[in-house]
Amino acid sequence: MRALELEEGQVLSQIAQLERKREELDTALAALRETHGRMTGGDARSASAA
């Protein structure tokens, strides 16, 4: 894999942006797992096969 040609500031900015998105995704996934657990009356972890 070839490295992207970016300035250090751009790299740090992209890392920060992706970290925020990961946090948003983790929060959304946790909420969906909790909802699924309530719907099925089971353990929310059952939907975490991915």
Protein backbone atom coordinates (compact mmCIF):
# COMPACT_ATOMS: atom_id res chain seq x y z
CA MET A 1 0.00 0.00 0.00
CA ARG A 2 1.41 3.36 -1.02
CA ALA A 3 1.36 6.23 1.47
CA LEU A 4 -0.82 9.22 0.64
CA GLU A 5 1.01 12.43 -0.15
CA LEU A 6 -0.31 14.70 2.59
CA GLU A 7 1.18 17.30 4.90
CA GLU A 8 1.52 16.37 8.56
CA GLY A 9 -1.29 18.74 9.54
CA GLN A 10 -3.61 17.10 7.02
CA VAL A 11 -2.75 13.66 8.36
CA LEU A 12 -3.44 14.72 11.95
CA SER A 13 -6.70 16.37 10.90
CA GLN A 14 -7.85 13.23 9.09
CA ILE A 15 -6.94 11.06 12.08
CA ALA A 16 -8.95 13.31 14.40
CA GLN A 17 -11.93 13.31 12.03
CA LEU A 18 -11.90 9.52 11.74
CA GLU A 19 -11.59 9.11 15.52
CA ARG A 20 -14.71 11.28 15.97
CA LYS A 21 -16.59 9.24 13.38
CA ARG A 22 -15.51 6.01 15.09
CA GLU A 23 -16.86 7.34 18.40
CA GLU A 24 -20.16 8.21 16.68
CA LEU A 25 -20.35 4.74 15.14
CA ASP A 26 -19.55 3.04 18.45
CA THR A 27 -22.32 5.03 20.14
CA ALA A 28 -24.82 4.20 17.39
CA LEU A 29 -23.89 0.51 17.45
CA ALA A 30 -24.29 0.33 21.23
CA ALA A 31 -27.72 1.95 21.01
CA LEU A 32 -28.83 -0.43 18.27
CA ARG A 33 -27.56 -3.46 20.19
CA GLU A 34 -29.45 -2.29 23.27
CA THR A 35 -32.61 -1.79 21.22
CA HIS A 36 -32.24 -5.21 19.64
CA GLY A 37 -31.75 -6.76 23.06
CA ARG A 38 -34.97 -5.17 24.31
CA MET A 39 -36.83 -6.32 21.18
CA THR A 40 -35.74 -9.91 21.58
CA GLY A 41 -35.62 -10.00 25.36
CA GLY A 42 -32.12 -11.39 25.08
CA ASP A 43 -28.52 -10.39 25.39
CA ALA A 44 -27.69 -7.44 23.14
CA ARG A 45 -24.34 -9.03 22.33
CA SER A 46 -26.13 -11.59 20.16
CA ALA A 47 -26.22 -9.01 17.35
CA SER A 48 -22.48 -8.37 17.40
CA ALA A 49 -21.39 -11.05 14.94
CA ALA A 50 -19.62 -8.52 12.71
